[in-house]
Amino acid sequence: MKQEVNQHTILQAILELSKQMQEMKLDLQQQIGAVERRLEEKLDTVERRLDEKIEVVEAKLDKVEQNLSKKIDVLDSKVGIVSLDLLETKAEVSVLQQTK
């Protein structure tokens, strides 16, 4: 009889431990789910901020590209003018040399 009580007590203890383990497992799963949701929210926030910053940088790059394009056009015009002036000067020098 004492052995039966011990076996019964042992089975009850095993069942209680099993129940506690199931509860712990459920609790851990809920905690993991909560952490995953928080991480996803933070990642979404970081992703949005990065997208906004990328847009700002792209806009700035577009402005820089436009400014450079304008400056290149102006420089190209100046080089053209200088080339014409140089050509005229060479022509005048050549005429003067031929008249001597």
PDB file of N, CA and C in Angstrom:
ATOM      1  N   MET A   1       0.813  -1.184   0.000  1.00  0.00           N
ATOM      2  CA  MET A   1       0.000   0.000   0.000  1.00  0.00           C
ATOM      3  C   MET A   1       0.863   1.256   0.000  1.00  0.00           C
ATOM      4  N   LYS A   2       1.899   1.235   0.783  1.00  0.00           N
ATOM      5  CA  LYS A   2       2.801   2.379   0.847  1.00  0.00           C
ATOM      6  C   LYS A   2       3.441   2.622  -0.515  1.00  0.00           C
ATOM      7  N   GLN A   3       3.755   1.540  -1.222  1.00  0.00           N
ATOM      8  CA  GLN A   3       4.364   1.670  -2.539  1.00  0.00           C
ATOM      9  C   GLN A   3       3.367   2.280  -3.526  1.00  0.00           C
ATOM     10  N   GLU A   4       2.070   1.907  -3.403  1.00  0.00           N
ATOM     11  CA  GLU A   4       1.052   2.477  -4.258  1.00  0.00           C
ATOM     12  C   GLU A   4       0.901   3.976  -3.998  1.00  0.00           C
ATOM     13  N   VAL A   5       0.946   4.378  -2.784  1.00  0.00           N
ATOM     14  CA  VAL A   5       0.850   5.794  -2.428  1.00  0.00           C
ATOM     15  C   VAL A   5       2.036   6.542  -3.016  1.00  0.00           C
ATOM     16  N   ASN A   6       3.196   5.958  -2.886  1.00  0.00           N
ATOM     17  CA  ASN A   6       4.385   6.590  -3.434  1.00  0.00           C
ATOM     18  C   ASN A   6       4.283   6.727  -4.954  1.00  0.00           C
ATOM     19  N   GLN A   7       3.809   5.669  -5.623  1.00  0.00           N
ATOM     20  CA  GLN A   7       3.661   5.729  -7.072  1.00  0.00           C
ATOM     21  C   GLN A   7       2.609   6.763  -7.452  1.00  0.00           C
ATOM     22  N   HIS A   8       1.517   6.796  -6.696  1.00  0.00           N
ATOM     23  CA  HIS A   8       0.453   7.760  -6.953  1.00  0.00           C
ATOM     24  C   HIS A   8       0.983   9.190  -6.736  1.00  0.00           C
ATOM     25  N   THR A   9       1.718   9.387  -5.677  1.00  0.00           N
ATOM     26  CA  THR A   9       2.307  10.688  -5.374  1.00  0.00           C
ATOM     27  C   THR A   9       3.299  11.097  -6.462  1.00  0.00           C
ATOM     28  N   ILE A  10       4.080  10.135  -6.902  1.00  0.00           N
ATOM     29  CA  ILE A  10       5.067  10.405  -7.965  1.00  0.00           C
ATOM     30  C   ILE A  10       4.356  10.788  -9.252  1.00  0.00           C
ATOM     31  N   LEU A  11       3.285  10.050  -9.607  1.00  0.00           N
ATOM     32  CA  LEU A  11       2.530  10.368 -10.823  1.00  0.00           C
ATOM     33  C   LEU A  11       1.901  11.756 -10.734  1.00  0.00           C
ATOM     34  N   GLN A  12       1.366  12.091  -9.552  1.00  0.00           N
ATOM     35  CA  GLN A  12       0.785  13.426  -9.373  1.00  0.00           C
ATOM     36  C   GLN A  12       1.868  14.506  -9.530  1.00  0.00           C
ATOM     37  N   ALA A  13       3.022  14.255  -8.963  1.00  0.00           N
ATOM     38  CA  ALA A  13       4.128  15.215  -9.069  1.00  0.00           C
ATOM     39  C   ALA A  13       4.551  15.378 -10.531  1.00  0.00           C
ATOM     40  N   ILE A  14       4.623  14.256 -11.245  1.00  0.00           N
ATOM     41  CA  ILE A  14       4.996  14.306 -12.678  1.00  0.00           C
ATOM     42  C   ILE A  14       3.960  15.095 -13.464  1.00  0.00           C
ATOM     43  N   LEU A  15       2.668  14.826 -13.199  1.00  0.00           N
ATOM     44  CA  LEU A  15       1.605  15.552 -13.886  1.00  0.00           C
ATOM     45  C   LEU A  15       1.662  17.050 -13.566  1.00  0.00           C
ATOM     46  N   GLU A  16       1.910  17.391 -12.316  1.00  0.00           N
ATOM     47  CA  GLU A  16       2.018  18.803 -11.914  1.00  0.00           C
ATOM     48  C   GLU A  16       3.201  19.476 -12.618  1.00  0.00           C
ATOM     49  N   LEU A  17       4.338  18.780 -12.662  1.00  0.00           N
ATOM     50  CA  LEU A  17       5.515  19.328 -13.351  1.00  0.00           C
ATOM     51  C   LEU A  17       5.240  19.493 -14.847  1.00  0.00           C
ATOM     52  N   SER A  18       4.558  18.527 -15.414  1.00  0.00           N
ATOM     53  CA  SER A  18       4.212  18.605 -16.826  1.00  0.00           C
ATOM     54  C   SER A  18       3.325  19.819 -17.096  1.00  0.00           C
ATOM     55  N   LYS A  19       2.343  20.024 -16.219  1.00  0.00           N
ATOM     56  CA  LYS A  19       1.443  21.176 -16.347  1.00  0.00           C
ATOM     57  C   LYS A  19       2.232  22.486 -16.239  1.00  0.00           C
ATOM     58  N   GLN A  20       3.132  22.551 -15.271  1.00  0.00           N
ATOM     59  CA  GLN A  20       3.958  23.750 -15.091  1.00  0.00           C
ATOM     60  C   GLN A  20       4.843  24.000 -16.312  1.00  0.00           C
ATOM     61  N   MET A  21       5.366  22.919 -16.861  1.00  0.00           N
ATOM     62  CA  MET A  21       6.220  23.047 -18.053  1.00  0.00           C
ATOM     63  C   MET A  21       5.404  23.587 -19.233  1.00  0.00           C
ATOM     64  N   GLN A  22       4.191  23.100 -19.404  1.00  0.00           N
ATOM     65  CA  GLN A  22       3.326  23.578 -20.475  1.00  0.00           C
ATOM     66  C   GLN A  22       3.021  25.067 -20.300  1.00  0.00           C
ATOM     67  N   GLU A  23       2.736  25.465 -19.060  1.00  0.00           N
ATOM     68  CA  GLU A  23       2.467  26.878 -18.776  1.00  0.00           C
ATOM     69  C   GLU A  23       3.690  27.740 -19.061  1.00  0.00           C
ATOM     70  N   MET A  24       4.861  27.245 -18.681  1.00  0.00           N
ATOM     71  CA  MET A  24       6.108  27.981 -18.943  1.00  0.00           C
ATOM     72  C   MET A  24       6.344  28.097 -20.442  1.00  0.00           C
ATOM     73  N   LYS A  25       6.076  27.001 -21.150  1.00  0.00           N
ATOM     74  CA  LYS A  25       6.251  27.008 -22.602  1.00  0.00           C
ATOM     75  C   LYS A  25       5.336  28.044 -23.244  1.00  0.00           C
ATOM     76  N   LEU A  26       4.081  28.073 -22.838  1.00  0.00           N
ATOM     77  CA  LEU A  26       3.124  29.037 -23.362  1.00  0.00           C
ATOM     78  C   LEU A  26       3.555  30.467 -23.046  1.00  0.00           C
ATOM     79  N   ASP A  27       3.999  30.684 -21.823  1.00  0.00           N
ATOM     80  CA  ASP A  27       4.462  32.006 -21.414  1.00  0.00           C
ATOM     81  C   ASP A  27       5.665  32.443 -22.249  1.00  0.00           C
ATOM     82  N   LEU A  28       6.612  31.543 -22.450  1.00  0.00           N
ATOM     83  CA  LEU A  28       7.788  31.863 -23.259  1.00  0.00           C
ATOM     84  C   LEU A  28       7.405  32.175 -24.702  1.00  0.00           C
ATOM     85  N   GLN A  29       6.473  31.414 -25.255  1.00  0.00           N
ATOM     86  CA  GLN A  29       6.025  31.662 -26.623  1.00  0.00           C
ATOM     87  C   GLN A  29       5.387  33.049 -26.735  1.00  0.00           C
ATOM     88  N   GLN A  30       4.605  33.421 -25.724  1.00  0.00           N
ATOM     89  CA  GLN A  30       3.988  34.743 -25.730  1.00  0.00           C
ATOM     90  C   GLN A  30       5.044  35.843 -25.629  1.00  0.00           C
ATOM     91  N   GLN A  31       6.026  35.629 -24.782  1.00  0.00           N
ATOM     92  CA  GLN A  31       7.099  36.620 -24.637  1.00  0.00           C
ATOM     93  C   GLN A  31       7.892  36.753 -25.929  1.00  0.00           C
ATOM     94  N   ILE A  32       8.185  35.621 -26.552  1.00  0.00           N
ATOM     95  CA  ILE A  32       8.919  35.645 -27.830  1.00  0.00           C
ATOM     96  C   ILE A  32       8.107  36.381 -28.883  1.00  0.00           C
ATOM     97  N   GLY A  33       6.808  36.111 -28.927  1.00  0.00           N
ATOM     98  CA  GLY A  33       5.930  36.810 -29.874  1.00  0.00           C
ATOM     99  C   GLY A  33       5.934  38.306 -29.642  1.00  0.00           C
ATOM    100  N   ALA A  34       5.889  38.721 -28.385  1.00  0.00           N
ATOM    101  CA  ALA A  34       5.903  40.151 -28.053  1.00  0.00           C
ATOM    102  C   ALA A  34       7.223  40.784 -28.478  1.00  0.00           C
ATOM    103  N   VAL A  35       8.319  40.103 -28.233  1.00  0.00           N
ATOM    104  CA  VAL A  35       9.635  40.621 -28.620  1.00  0.00           C
ATOM    105  C   VAL A  35       9.736  40.723 -30.149  1.00  0.00           C
ATOM    106  N   GLU A  36       9.238  39.714 -30.843  1.00  0.00           N
ATOM    107  CA  GLU A  36       9.263  39.749 -32.312  1.00  0.00           C
ATOM    108  C   GLU A  36       8.450  40.927 -32.848  1.00  0.00           C
ATOM    109  N   ARG A  37       7.283  41.174 -32.267  1.00  0.00           N
ATOM    110  CA  ARG A  37       6.454  42.305 -32.710  1.00  0.00           C
ATOM    111  C   ARG A  37       7.170  43.631 -32.466  1.00  0.00           C
ATOM    112  N   ARG A  38       7.793  43.763 -31.285  1.00  0.00           N
ATOM    113  CA  ARG A  38       8.529  45.002 -30.988  1.00  0.00           C
ATOM    114  C   ARG A  38       9.688  45.190 -31.961  1.00  0.00           C
ATOM    115  N   LEU A  39      10.395  44.110 -32.252  1.00  0.00           N
ATOM    116  CA  LEU A  39      11.509  44.204 -33.196  1.00  0.00           C
ATOM    117  C   LEU A  39      11.027  44.597 -34.590  1.00  0.00           C
ATOM    118  N   GLU A  40       9.924  44.009 -35.015  1.00  0.00           N
ATOM    119  CA  GLU A  40       9.369  44.351 -36.327  1.00  0.00           C
ATOM    120  C   GLU A  40       8.973  45.822 -36.385  1.00  0.00           C
ATOM    121  N   GLU A  41       8.362  46.320 -35.310  1.00  0.00           N
ATOM    122  CA  GLU A  41       7.983  47.733 -35.259  1.00  0.00           C
ATOM    123  C   GLU A  41       9.213  48.627 -35.343  1.00  0.00           C
ATOM    124  N   LYS A  42      10.240  48.266 -34.581  1.00  0.00           N
ATOM    125  CA  LYS A  42      11.473  49.066 -34.606  1.00  0.00           C
ATOM    126  C   LYS A  42      12.128  49.016 -35.978  1.00  0.00           C
ATOM    127  N   LEU A  43      12.159  47.840 -36.585  1.00  0.00           N
ATOM    128  CA  LEU A  43      12.738  47.714 -37.925  1.00  0.00           C
ATOM    129  C   LEU A  43      11.949  48.533 -38.944  1.00  0.00           C
ATOM    130  N   ASP A  44      10.628  48.515 -38.831  1.00  0.00           N
ATOM    131  CA  ASP A  44       9.803  49.316 -39.733  1.00  0.00           C
ATOM    132  C   ASP A  44      10.102  50.803 -39.559  1.00  0.00           C
ATOM    133  N   THR A  45      10.255  51.227 -38.311  1.00  0.00           N
ATOM    134  CA  THR A  45      10.564  52.633 -38.036  1.00  0.00           C
ATOM    135  C   THR A  45      11.918  53.007 -38.636  1.00  0.00           C
ATOM    136  N   VAL A  46      12.911  52.165 -38.422  1.00  0.00           N
ATOM    137  CA  VAL A  46      14.246  52.423 -38.959  1.00  0.00           C
ATOM    138  C   VAL A  46      14.203  52.445 -40.486  1.00  0.00           C
ATOM    139  N   GLU A  47      13.461  51.527 -41.071  1.00  0.00           N
ATOM    140  CA  GLU A  47      13.352  51.469 -42.526  1.00  0.00           C
ATOM    141  C   GLU A  47      12.702  52.737 -43.078  1.00  0.00           C
ATOM    142  N   ARG A  48      11.654  53.213 -42.416  1.00  0.00           N
ATOM    143  CA  ARG A  48      11.005  54.455 -42.857  1.00  0.00           C
ATOM    144  C   ARG A  48      11.966  55.637 -42.765  1.00  0.00           C
ATOM    145  N   ARG A  49      12.700  55.711 -41.655  1.00  0.00           N
ATOM    146  CA  ARG A  49      13.652  56.817 -41.485  1.00  0.00           C
ATOM    147  C   ARG A  49      14.741  56.764 -42.541  1.00  0.00           C
ATOM    148  N   LEU A  50      15.224  55.564 -42.824  1.00  0.00           N
ATOM    149  CA  LEU A  50      16.254  55.427 -43.859  1.00  0.00           C
ATOM    150  C   LEU A  50      15.713  55.835 -45.225  1.00  0.00           C
ATOM    151  N   ASP A  51      14.484  55.430 -45.534  1.00  0.00           N
ATOM    152  CA  ASP A  51      13.872  55.808 -46.807  1.00  0.00           C
ATOM    153  C   ASP A  51      13.757  57.326 -46.927  1.00  0.00           C
ATOM    154  N   GLU A  52      13.354  57.980 -45.825  1.00  0.00           N
ATOM    155  CA  GLU A  52      13.243  59.438 -45.838  1.00  0.00           C
ATOM    156  C   GLU A  52      14.606  60.081 -46.068  1.00  0.00           C
ATOM    157  N   LYS A  53      15.627  59.567 -45.378  1.00  0.00           N
ATOM    158  CA  LYS A  53      16.968  60.138 -45.532  1.00  0.00           C
ATOM    159  C   LYS A  53      17.509  59.887 -46.943  1.00  0.00           C
ATOM    160  N   ILE A  54      17.213  58.738 -47.494  1.00  0.00           N
ATOM    161  CA  ILE A  54      17.645  58.434 -48.862  1.00  0.00           C
ATOM    162  C   ILE A  54      17.001  59.411 -49.834  1.00  0.00           C
ATOM    163  N   GLU A  55      15.712  59.703 -49.635  1.00  0.00           N
ATOM    164  CA  GLU A  55      15.026  60.661 -50.496  1.00  0.00           C
ATOM    165  C   GLU A  55      15.670  62.036 -50.409  1.00  0.00           C
ATOM    166  N   VAL A  56      16.022  62.453 -49.194  1.00  0.00           N
ATOM    167  CA  VAL A  56      16.662  63.761 -49.001  1.00  0.00           C
ATOM    168  C   VAL A  56      18.011  63.789 -49.723  1.00  0.00           C
ATOM    169  N   VAL A  57      18.792  62.731 -49.557  1.00  0.00           N
ATOM    170  CA  VAL A  57      20.114  62.675 -50.202  1.00  0.00           C
ATOM    171  C   VAL A  57      19.955  62.669 -51.721  1.00  0.00           C
ATOM    172  N   GLU A  58      18.987  61.922 -52.229  1.00  0.00           N
ATOM    173  CA  GLU A  58      18.770  61.884 -53.676  1.00  0.00           C
ATOM    174  C   GLU A  58      18.378  63.265 -54.199  1.00  0.00           C
ATOM    175  N   ALA A  59      17.533  63.979 -53.451  1.00  0.00           N
ATOM    176  CA  ALA A  59      17.130  65.324 -53.859  1.00  0.00           C
ATOM    177  C   ALA A  59      18.346  66.256 -53.892  1.00  0.00           C
ATOM    178  N   LYS A  60      19.196  66.143 -52.873  1.00  0.00           N
ATOM    179  CA  LYS A  60      20.400  66.971 -52.834  1.00  0.00           C
ATOM    180  C   LYS A  60      21.323  66.629 -53.999  1.00  0.00           C
ATOM    181  N   LEU A  61      21.459  65.348 -54.298  1.00  0.00           N
ATOM    182  CA  LEU A  61      22.304  64.936 -55.428  1.00  0.00           C
ATOM    183  C   LEU A  61      21.755  65.469 -56.743  1.00  0.00           C
ATOM    184  N   ASP A  62      20.435  65.458 -56.891  1.00  0.00           N
ATOM    185  CA  ASP A  62      19.825  66.007 -58.102  1.00  0.00           C
ATOM    186  C   ASP A  62      20.156  67.489 -58.252  1.00  0.00           C
ATOM    187  N   LYS A  63      20.074  68.242 -57.140  1.00  0.00           N
ATOM    188  CA  LYS A  63      20.397  69.668 -57.185  1.00  0.00           C
ATOM    189  C   LYS A  63      21.864  69.874 -57.547  1.00  0.00           C
ATOM    190  N   VAL A  64      22.745  69.081 -56.940  1.00  0.00           N
ATOM    191  CA  VAL A  64      24.176  69.192 -57.238  1.00  0.00           C
ATOM    192  C   VAL A  64      24.421  68.885 -58.707  1.00  0.00           C
ATOM    193  N   GLU A  65      23.765  67.864 -59.210  1.00  0.00           N
ATOM    194  CA  GLU A  65      23.931  67.484 -60.620  1.00  0.00           C
ATOM    195  C   GLU A  65      23.462  68.612 -61.537  1.00  0.00           C
ATOM    196  N   GLN A  66      22.337  69.238 -61.193  1.00  0.00           N
ATOM    197  CA  GLN A  66      21.837  70.349 -62.001  1.00  0.00           C
ATOM    198  C   GLN A  66      22.806  71.526 -61.973  1.00  0.00           C
ATOM    199  N   ASN A  67      23.314  71.846 -60.768  1.00  0.00           N
ATOM    200  CA  ASN A  67      24.273  72.950 -60.640  1.00  0.00           C
ATOM    201  C   ASN A  67      25.544  72.665 -61.439  1.00  0.00           C
ATOM    202  N   LEU A  68      26.037  71.439 -61.325  1.00  0.00           N
ATOM    203  CA  LEU A  68      27.241  71.079 -62.079  1.00  0.00           C
ATOM    204  C   LEU A  68      26.994  71.154 -63.579  1.00  0.00           C
ATOM    205  N   SER A  69      25.843  70.709 -63.992  1.00  0.00           N
ATOM    206  CA  SER A  69      25.510  70.757 -65.414  1.00  0.00           C
ATOM    207  C   SER A  69      25.505  72.204 -65.909  1.00  0.00           C
ATOM    208  N   LYS A  70      24.900  73.105 -65.130  1.00  0.00           N
ATOM    209  CA  LYS A  70      24.891  74.525 -65.509  1.00  0.00           C
ATOM    210  C   LYS A  70      26.312  75.076 -65.567  1.00  0.00           C
ATOM    211  N   LYS A  71      27.111  74.748 -64.563  1.00  0.00           N
ATOM    212  CA  LYS A  71      28.492  75.253 -64.522  1.00  0.00           C
ATOM    213  C   LYS A  71      29.312  74.698 -65.685  1.00  0.00           C
ATOM    214  N   ILE A  72      29.076  73.441 -66.021  1.00  0.00           N
ATOM    215  CA  ILE A  72      29.790  72.847 -67.163  1.00  0.00           C
ATOM    216  C   ILE A  72      29.387  73.549 -68.449  1.00  0.00           C
ATOM    217  N   ASP A  73      28.081  73.847 -68.587  1.00  0.00           N
ATOM    218  CA  ASP A  73      27.621  74.556 -69.782  1.00  0.00           C
ATOM    219  C   ASP A  73      28.271  75.940 -69.891  1.00  0.00           C
ATOM    220  N   VAL A  74      28.329  76.653 -68.760  1.00  0.00           N
ATOM    221  CA  VAL A  74      28.961  77.980 -68.753  1.00  0.00           C
ATOM    222  C   VAL A  74      30.441  77.857 -69.098  1.00  0.00           C
ATOM    223  N   LEU A  75      31.116  76.895 -68.497  1.00  0.00           N
ATOM    224  CA  LEU A  75      32.539  76.694 -68.771  1.00  0.00           C
ATOM    225  C   LEU A  75      32.769  76.331 -70.237  1.00  0.00           C
ATOM    226  N   ASP A  76      31.898  75.502 -70.776  1.00  0.00           N
ATOM    227  CA  ASP A  76      32.002  75.121 -72.183  1.00  0.00           C
ATOM    228  C   ASP A  76      31.852  76.354 -73.074  1.00  0.00           C
ATOM    229  N   SER A  77      30.923  77.233 -72.732  1.00  0.00           N
ATOM    230  CA  SER A  77      30.748  78.477 -73.503  1.00  0.00           C
ATOM    231  C   SER A  77      31.991  79.351 -73.399  1.00  0.00           C
ATOM    232  N   LYS A  78      32.545  79.449 -72.192  1.00  0.00           N
ATOM    233  CA  LYS A  78      33.754  80.262 -72.003  1.00  0.00           C
ATOM    234  C   LYS A  78      34.912  79.708 -72.821  1.00  0.00           C
ATOM    235  N   VAL A  79      35.079  78.397 -72.823  1.00  0.00           N
ATOM    236  CA  VAL A  79      36.154  77.772 -73.604  1.00  0.00           C
ATOM    237  C   VAL A  79      35.942  78.053 -75.089  1.00  0.00           C
ATOM    238  N   GLY A  80      34.691  77.996 -75.526  1.00  0.00           N
ATOM    239  CA  GLY A  80      34.386  78.312 -76.927  1.00  0.00           C
ATOM    240  C   GLY A  80      34.759  79.741 -77.268  1.00  0.00           C
ATOM    241  N   ILE A  81      34.423  80.667 -76.386  1.00  0.00           N
ATOM    242  CA  ILE A  81      34.746  82.088 -76.609  1.00  0.00           C
ATOM    243  C   ILE A  81      36.261  82.287 -76.635  1.00  0.00           C
ATOM    244  N   VAL A  82      36.955  81.694 -75.665  1.00  0.00           N
ATOM    245  CA  VAL A  82      38.411  81.820 -75.605  1.00  0.00           C
ATOM    246  C   VAL A  82      39.034  81.214 -76.867  1.00  0.00           C
ATOM    247  N   SER A  83      38.505  80.113 -77.325  1.00  0.00           N
ATOM    248  CA  SER A  83      39.030  79.479 -78.538  1.00  0.00           C
ATOM    249  C   SER A  83      38.853  80.395 -79.741  1.00  0.00           C
ATOM    250  N   LEU A  84      37.694  81.037 -79.840  1.00  0.00           N
ATOM    251  CA  LEU A  84      37.455  81.966 -80.947  1.00  0.00           C
ATOM    252  C   LEU A  84      38.406  83.155 -80.864  1.00  0.00           C
ATOM    253  N   ASP A  85      38.537  83.700 -79.635  1.00  0.00           N
ATOM    254  CA  ASP A  85      39.453  84.832 -79.452  1.00  0.00           C
ATOM    255  C   ASP A  85      40.876  84.442 -79.827  1.00  0.00           C
ATOM    256  N   LEU A  86      41.279  83.255 -79.414  1.00  0.00           N
ATOM    257  CA  LEU A  86      42.627  82.780 -79.724  1.00  0.00           C
ATOM    258  C   LEU A  86      42.796  82.605 -81.225  1.00  0.00           C
ATOM    259  N   LEU A  87      41.796  82.086 -81.884  1.00  0.00           N
ATOM    260  CA  LEU A  87      41.844  81.895 -83.334  1.00  0.00           C
ATOM    261  C   LEU A  87      41.943  83.243 -84.042  1.00  0.00           C
ATOM    262  N   GLU A  88      41.160  84.230 -83.592  1.00  0.00           N
ATOM    263  CA  GLU A  88      41.221  85.569 -84.183  1.00  0.00           C
ATOM    264  C   GLU A  88      42.600  86.189 -83.966  1.00  0.00           C
ATOM    265  N   THR A  89      43.137  86.014 -82.754  1.00  0.00           N
ATOM    266  CA  THR A  89      44.456  86.567 -82.451  1.00  0.00           C
ATOM    267  C   THR A  89      45.517  85.924 -83.335  1.00  0.00           C
ATOM    268  N   LYS A  90      45.434  84.630 -83.507  1.00  0.00           N
ATOM    269  CA  LYS A  90      46.397  83.941 -84.389  1.00  0.00           C
ATOM    270  C   LYS A  90      46.266  84.440 -85.822  1.00  0.00           C
ATOM    271  N   ALA A  91      45.034  84.649 -86.224  1.00  0.00           N
ATOM    272  CA  ALA A  91      44.822  85.142 -87.589  1.00  0.00           C
ATOM    273  C   ALA A  91      45.410  86.538 -87.745  1.00  0.00           C
ATOM    274  N   GLU A  92      45.202  87.399 -86.769  1.00  0.00           N
ATOM    275  CA  GLU A  92      45.745  88.759 -86.832  1.00  0.00           C
ATOM    276  C   GLU A  92      47.260  88.728 -86.836  1.00  0.00           C
ATOM    277  N   VAL A  93      47.854  87.864 -86.000  1.00  0.00           N
ATOM    278  CA  VAL A  93      49.311  87.734 -85.985  1.00  0.00           C
ATOM    279  C   VAL A  93      49.819  87.234 -87.323  1.00  0.00           C
ATOM    280  N   SER A  94      49.119  86.301 -87.892  1.00  0.00           N
ATOM    281  CA  SER A  94      49.531  85.762 -89.185  1.00  0.00           C
ATOM    282  C   SER A  94      49.469  86.840 -90.261  1.00  0.00           C
ATOM    283  N   VAL A  95      48.419  87.655 -90.242  1.00  0.00           N
ATOM    284  CA  VAL A  95      48.277  88.753 -91.223  1.00  0.00           C
ATOM    285  C   VAL A  95      49.414  89.746 -91.022  1.00  0.00           C
ATOM    286  N   LEU A  96      49.691  90.076 -89.770  1.00  0.00           N
ATOM    287  CA  LEU A  96      50.764  91.037 -89.504  1.00  0.00           C
ATOM    288  C   LEU A  96      52.118  90.491 -89.948  1.00  0.00           C
ATOM    289  N   GLN A  97      52.325  89.202 -89.744  1.00  0.00           N
ATOM    290  CA  GLN A  97      53.599  88.601 -90.148  1.00  0.00           C
ATOM    291  C   GLN A  97      53.736  88.621 -91.687  1.00  0.00           C
ATOM    292  N   GLN A  98      52.633  88.427 -92.365  1.00  0.00           N
ATOM    293  CA  GLN A  98      52.672  88.397 -93.834  1.00  0.00           C
ATOM    294  C   GLN A  98      52.874  89.786 -94.403  1.00  0.00           C
ATOM    295  N   THR A  99      52.442  90.819 -93.716  1.00  0.00           N
ATOM    296  CA  THR A  99      52.597  92.178 -94.215  1.00  0.00           C
ATOM    297  C   THR A  99      53.994  92.713 -94.001  1.00  0.00           C
ATOM    298  N   LYS A 100      54.788  92.117 -93.200  1.00  0.00           N
ATOM    299  CA  LYS A 100      56.155  92.588 -92.931  1.00  0.00           C
ATOM    300  C   LYS A 100      57.044  92.305 -94.043  1.00  0.00           C
TER     301      LYS A 100
END
